[in-house]
N, C-alpha and C. Protein backbone atom coordinates (compact mmCIF):
# COMPACT_ATOMS: atom_id res chain seq x y z
N MET A 1 0.84 -1.17 0.00
CA MET A 1 0.00 0.00 0.00
C MET A 1 0.88 1.24 0.00
N THR A 2 0.67 2.11 -0.96
CA THR A 2 1.49 3.31 -1.05
C THR A 2 0.73 4.51 -0.50
N GLU A 3 1.47 5.40 0.07
CA GLU A 3 0.87 6.63 0.59
C GLU A 3 1.03 7.72 -0.46
N GLU A 4 -0.05 8.43 -0.72
CA GLU A 4 0.01 9.52 -1.67
C GLU A 4 0.44 10.79 -0.95
N ALA A 5 1.28 11.55 -1.63
CA ALA A 5 1.72 12.82 -1.06
C ALA A 5 0.59 13.83 -1.18
N VAL A 6 0.27 14.48 -0.09
CA VAL A 6 -0.77 15.51 -0.08
C VAL A 6 -0.08 16.85 -0.29
N PRO A 7 -0.47 17.57 -1.34
CA PRO A 7 0.19 18.86 -1.56
C PRO A 7 -0.12 19.84 -0.44
N VAL A 8 0.88 20.59 -0.05
CA VAL A 8 0.71 21.60 0.99
C VAL A 8 0.38 22.91 0.30
N VAL A 9 -0.75 23.50 0.68
CA VAL A 9 -1.17 24.77 0.10
C VAL A 9 -1.02 25.86 1.14
N GLU A 10 -0.28 26.89 0.79
CA GLU A 10 -0.10 28.01 1.71
C GLU A 10 -1.39 28.80 1.82
N PRO A 11 -1.67 29.40 2.98
CA PRO A 11 -2.92 30.15 3.16
C PRO A 11 -3.05 31.33 2.20
N ASN A 12 -1.95 31.92 1.76
CA ASN A 12 -2.01 33.07 0.87
C ASN A 12 -1.77 32.69 -0.60
N ALA A 13 -1.82 31.38 -0.91
CA ALA A 13 -1.57 30.93 -2.28
C ALA A 13 -2.79 31.19 -3.15
N VAL A 14 -2.53 31.50 -4.40
CA VAL A 14 -3.60 31.71 -5.37
C VAL A 14 -3.55 30.56 -6.37
N GLU A 15 -4.54 29.69 -6.30
CA GLU A 15 -4.61 28.54 -7.19
C GLU A 15 -5.83 28.60 -8.09
N GLU A 16 -6.86 29.32 -7.67
CA GLU A 16 -8.10 29.45 -8.42
C GLU A 16 -8.50 30.92 -8.44
N PRO A 17 -9.33 31.34 -9.40
CA PRO A 17 -9.73 32.75 -9.45
C PRO A 17 -10.36 33.26 -8.16
N LEU A 18 -11.21 32.46 -7.52
CA LEU A 18 -11.86 32.94 -6.30
C LEU A 18 -10.90 33.06 -5.12
N ASP A 19 -9.69 32.50 -5.25
CA ASP A 19 -8.69 32.69 -4.20
C ASP A 19 -8.33 34.16 -4.05
N LEU A 20 -8.36 34.91 -5.15
CA LEU A 20 -8.08 36.35 -5.06
C LEU A 20 -9.15 37.06 -4.25
N VAL A 21 -10.40 36.62 -4.40
CA VAL A 21 -11.49 37.21 -3.62
C VAL A 21 -11.33 36.80 -2.15
N ARG A 22 -10.98 35.53 -1.92
CA ARG A 22 -10.78 35.06 -0.54
C ARG A 22 -9.73 35.88 0.19
N LEU A 23 -8.66 36.23 -0.52
CA LEU A 23 -7.59 37.01 0.09
C LEU A 23 -8.02 38.45 0.41
N SER A 24 -9.15 38.87 -0.17
CA SER A 24 -9.65 40.23 0.07
C SER A 24 -10.70 40.29 1.18
N LEU A 25 -10.99 39.17 1.83
CA LEU A 25 -11.95 39.19 2.94
C LEU A 25 -11.49 40.17 4.01
N ASP A 26 -12.43 40.94 4.53
CA ASP A 26 -12.18 41.97 5.54
C ASP A 26 -11.30 43.11 5.03
N GLU A 27 -11.19 43.24 3.71
CA GLU A 27 -10.45 44.35 3.10
C GLU A 27 -11.42 45.15 2.24
N ARG A 28 -11.04 46.40 1.93
CA ARG A 28 -11.85 47.21 1.02
C ARG A 28 -11.57 46.75 -0.42
N ILE A 29 -12.65 46.61 -1.18
CA ILE A 29 -12.54 46.20 -2.57
C ILE A 29 -13.32 47.15 -3.47
N TYR A 30 -13.04 47.05 -4.76
CA TYR A 30 -13.76 47.79 -5.79
C TYR A 30 -14.54 46.77 -6.61
N VAL A 31 -15.83 47.03 -6.83
CA VAL A 31 -16.67 46.13 -7.61
C VAL A 31 -17.34 46.94 -8.72
N LYS A 32 -17.15 46.51 -9.97
CA LYS A 32 -17.82 47.15 -11.09
C LYS A 32 -19.00 46.27 -11.46
N LEU A 33 -20.17 46.89 -11.59
CA LEU A 33 -21.40 46.17 -11.89
C LEU A 33 -21.94 46.58 -13.26
N ARG A 34 -22.84 45.78 -13.77
CA ARG A 34 -23.56 46.14 -15.00
C ARG A 34 -24.32 47.44 -14.76
N GLY A 35 -24.59 48.15 -15.84
CA GLY A 35 -25.40 49.37 -15.71
C GLY A 35 -24.62 50.56 -15.20
N ASP A 36 -23.31 50.60 -15.45
CA ASP A 36 -22.47 51.75 -15.05
C ASP A 36 -22.54 52.05 -13.56
N ARG A 37 -22.51 51.01 -12.75
CA ARG A 37 -22.50 51.16 -11.29
C ARG A 37 -21.17 50.65 -10.76
N GLU A 38 -20.63 51.35 -9.76
CA GLU A 38 -19.38 50.96 -9.11
C GLU A 38 -19.58 51.00 -7.60
N LEU A 39 -18.98 50.04 -6.93
CA LEU A 39 -19.05 49.97 -5.47
C LEU A 39 -17.65 49.91 -4.89
N ARG A 40 -17.48 50.56 -3.75
CA ARG A 40 -16.26 50.41 -2.96
C ARG A 40 -16.72 50.13 -1.54
N GLY A 41 -16.21 49.03 -0.97
CA GLY A 41 -16.63 48.68 0.38
C GLY A 41 -15.80 47.54 0.93
N LYS A 42 -16.06 47.23 2.19
CA LYS A 42 -15.34 46.16 2.89
C LYS A 42 -16.04 44.84 2.63
N LEU A 43 -15.30 43.86 2.12
CA LEU A 43 -15.86 42.55 1.80
C LEU A 43 -16.01 41.72 3.08
N HIS A 44 -17.26 41.40 3.42
CA HIS A 44 -17.53 40.59 4.62
C HIS A 44 -17.72 39.12 4.29
N ALA A 45 -18.35 38.82 3.12
CA ALA A 45 -18.61 37.42 2.76
C ALA A 45 -18.86 37.34 1.26
N TYR A 46 -18.66 36.14 0.69
CA TYR A 46 -18.93 35.89 -0.71
C TYR A 46 -19.19 34.40 -0.90
N ASP A 47 -19.72 34.04 -2.07
CA ASP A 47 -19.90 32.63 -2.38
C ASP A 47 -19.41 32.35 -3.80
N GLY A 48 -19.59 31.14 -4.27
CA GLY A 48 -19.10 30.73 -5.57
C GLY A 48 -19.78 31.42 -6.74
N HIS A 49 -20.96 32.02 -6.51
CA HIS A 49 -21.65 32.76 -7.55
C HIS A 49 -21.21 34.22 -7.58
N LEU A 50 -20.32 34.58 -6.68
CA LEU A 50 -19.83 35.95 -6.48
C LEU A 50 -20.90 36.86 -5.87
N ASN A 51 -21.91 36.25 -5.21
CA ASN A 51 -22.77 37.04 -4.35
C ASN A 51 -21.88 37.54 -3.22
N MET A 52 -22.06 38.79 -2.82
CA MET A 52 -21.17 39.37 -1.81
C MET A 52 -21.95 40.18 -0.80
N ILE A 53 -21.42 40.25 0.41
CA ILE A 53 -21.90 41.16 1.44
C ILE A 53 -20.79 42.19 1.63
N LEU A 54 -21.13 43.47 1.39
CA LEU A 54 -20.17 44.56 1.57
C LEU A 54 -20.65 45.47 2.69
N GLY A 55 -19.69 46.01 3.43
CA GLY A 55 -19.99 46.98 4.49
C GLY A 55 -19.35 48.32 4.17
N ASP A 56 -19.90 49.38 4.77
CA ASP A 56 -19.39 50.75 4.56
C ASP A 56 -19.22 51.03 3.06
N VAL A 57 -20.32 50.91 2.33
CA VAL A 57 -20.29 50.93 0.87
C VAL A 57 -20.48 52.35 0.33
N GLU A 58 -19.67 52.68 -0.67
CA GLU A 58 -19.83 53.89 -1.45
C GLU A 58 -20.20 53.46 -2.87
N GLU A 59 -21.38 53.87 -3.33
CA GLU A 59 -21.85 53.50 -4.67
C GLU A 59 -21.78 54.72 -5.58
N THR A 60 -21.28 54.51 -6.78
CA THR A 60 -21.24 55.57 -7.79
C THR A 60 -21.97 55.06 -9.02
N ILE A 61 -22.98 55.83 -9.45
CA ILE A 61 -23.74 55.50 -10.66
C ILE A 61 -23.44 56.58 -11.69
N THR A 62 -23.04 56.18 -12.88
CA THR A 62 -22.76 57.12 -13.96
C THR A 62 -23.94 57.10 -14.93
N VAL A 63 -24.52 58.29 -15.17
CA VAL A 63 -25.67 58.41 -16.06
C VAL A 63 -25.29 59.31 -17.22
N VAL A 64 -25.52 58.82 -18.43
CA VAL A 64 -25.25 59.62 -19.63
C VAL A 64 -26.60 60.03 -20.21
N GLU A 65 -26.81 61.35 -20.30
CA GLU A 65 -28.06 61.88 -20.84
C GLU A 65 -27.75 62.72 -22.06
N ILE A 66 -28.72 62.85 -22.95
CA ILE A 66 -28.58 63.69 -24.13
C ILE A 66 -29.36 64.99 -23.89
N ASN A 67 -28.68 66.13 -24.01
CA ASN A 67 -29.33 67.43 -23.91
C ASN A 67 -30.15 67.62 -25.18
N GLU A 68 -31.46 67.78 -25.02
CA GLU A 68 -32.35 67.86 -26.19
C GLU A 68 -32.09 69.12 -27.03
N GLU A 69 -31.69 70.19 -26.40
CA GLU A 69 -31.47 71.44 -27.13
C GLU A 69 -30.18 71.41 -27.94
N THR A 70 -29.08 70.95 -27.32
CA THR A 70 -27.78 70.96 -28.00
C THR A 70 -27.39 69.59 -28.56
N GLU A 71 -28.13 68.55 -28.19
CA GLU A 71 -27.87 67.17 -28.58
C GLU A 71 -26.47 66.70 -28.16
N GLU A 72 -25.96 67.29 -27.08
CA GLU A 72 -24.67 66.87 -26.53
C GLU A 72 -24.91 65.90 -25.39
N GLU A 73 -23.92 65.04 -25.16
CA GLU A 73 -23.99 64.11 -24.04
C GLU A 73 -23.64 64.84 -22.76
N VAL A 74 -24.45 64.62 -21.74
CA VAL A 74 -24.19 65.17 -20.41
C VAL A 74 -23.98 63.99 -19.47
N ILE A 75 -22.83 63.94 -18.83
CA ILE A 75 -22.50 62.84 -17.93
C ILE A 75 -22.70 63.31 -16.49
N ARG A 76 -23.57 62.58 -15.77
CA ARG A 76 -23.82 62.88 -14.35
C ARG A 76 -23.38 61.68 -13.52
N THR A 77 -22.90 61.97 -12.31
CA THR A 77 -22.60 60.89 -11.38
C THR A 77 -23.46 61.07 -10.14
N ILE A 78 -24.01 59.95 -9.70
CA ILE A 78 -24.83 59.92 -8.49
C ILE A 78 -24.08 59.09 -7.47
N LYS A 79 -23.93 59.62 -6.26
CA LYS A 79 -23.21 58.89 -5.20
C LYS A 79 -24.17 58.58 -4.06
N ASN A 80 -24.08 57.34 -3.58
CA ASN A 80 -24.88 56.87 -2.45
C ASN A 80 -23.95 56.15 -1.47
N THR A 81 -24.39 56.06 -0.23
CA THR A 81 -23.66 55.27 0.76
C THR A 81 -24.63 54.31 1.44
N ALA A 82 -24.09 53.20 1.92
CA ALA A 82 -24.89 52.22 2.65
C ALA A 82 -24.01 51.57 3.69
N GLU A 83 -24.62 51.28 4.83
CA GLU A 83 -23.88 50.62 5.91
C GLU A 83 -23.57 49.17 5.56
N MET A 84 -24.55 48.48 4.92
CA MET A 84 -24.38 47.08 4.55
C MET A 84 -25.15 46.85 3.25
N LEU A 85 -24.58 46.04 2.35
CA LEU A 85 -25.20 45.84 1.04
C LEU A 85 -24.98 44.40 0.59
N PHE A 86 -26.03 43.79 0.05
CA PHE A 86 -25.93 42.48 -0.59
C PHE A 86 -25.79 42.72 -2.09
N VAL A 87 -24.77 42.15 -2.71
CA VAL A 87 -24.54 42.29 -4.14
C VAL A 87 -24.78 40.94 -4.79
N ARG A 88 -25.70 40.90 -5.73
CA ARG A 88 -25.98 39.65 -6.44
C ARG A 88 -24.89 39.41 -7.49
N GLY A 89 -24.33 38.23 -7.50
CA GLY A 89 -23.17 37.93 -8.31
C GLY A 89 -23.36 38.02 -9.81
N ASP A 90 -24.59 37.83 -10.31
CA ASP A 90 -24.77 37.85 -11.76
C ASP A 90 -24.64 39.25 -12.36
N GLY A 91 -24.58 40.28 -11.53
CA GLY A 91 -24.37 41.64 -12.03
C GLY A 91 -22.94 42.10 -11.94
N VAL A 92 -22.06 41.27 -11.39
CA VAL A 92 -20.66 41.65 -11.18
C VAL A 92 -19.86 41.47 -12.46
N ILE A 93 -19.12 42.52 -12.82
CA ILE A 93 -18.23 42.46 -13.98
C ILE A 93 -16.78 42.31 -13.54
N LEU A 94 -16.40 43.02 -12.47
CA LEU A 94 -14.99 43.05 -12.06
C LEU A 94 -14.92 43.23 -10.54
N VAL A 95 -13.94 42.56 -9.94
CA VAL A 95 -13.65 42.74 -8.51
C VAL A 95 -12.15 42.95 -8.37
N SER A 96 -11.76 43.99 -7.64
CA SER A 96 -10.33 44.22 -7.42
C SER A 96 -10.14 45.04 -6.16
N PRO A 97 -8.90 45.09 -5.67
CA PRO A 97 -8.62 46.04 -4.59
C PRO A 97 -8.88 47.44 -5.13
N PRO A 98 -9.34 48.38 -4.30
CA PRO A 98 -9.62 49.73 -4.81
C PRO A 98 -8.34 50.40 -5.26
N SER A 99 -8.45 51.26 -6.27
CA SER A 99 -7.26 51.98 -6.74
C SER A 99 -6.84 52.96 -5.65
N ARG A 100 -5.58 53.21 -5.56
CA ARG A 100 -5.06 54.12 -4.54
C ARG A 100 -5.48 55.55 -4.82
N THR A 101 -5.70 55.89 -6.09
CA THR A 101 -6.08 57.26 -6.43
C THR A 101 -7.55 57.51 -6.21
N GLY A 102 -8.40 56.48 -6.39
CA GLY A 102 -9.84 56.69 -6.28
C GLY A 102 -10.42 56.29 -4.95
N ALA A 103 -9.66 55.68 -4.06
CA ALA A 103 -10.22 55.17 -2.82
C ALA A 103 -10.20 56.18 -1.72
């Protein structure tokens, strides 16, 4: 009977894409969503579908409108805050640590 060697995985090792999200637990992250929405907040929990619970959330919504008189694009940003937010994973486009310039 032979013994198989069990690979040793370091706690900070990245072997799968969701390992990057795991390493961001209890850290501030940046999340880009469909519909020109962006979130910055502290990652409290996530699952394999990329559903997430964020705390101390700053939401930025970018709205592009057409001025009827001049027919020029007008870009507006709407900012909201929330103490706690559930993010459904099917709307997530990108997850990363927040940029140092925008955080």
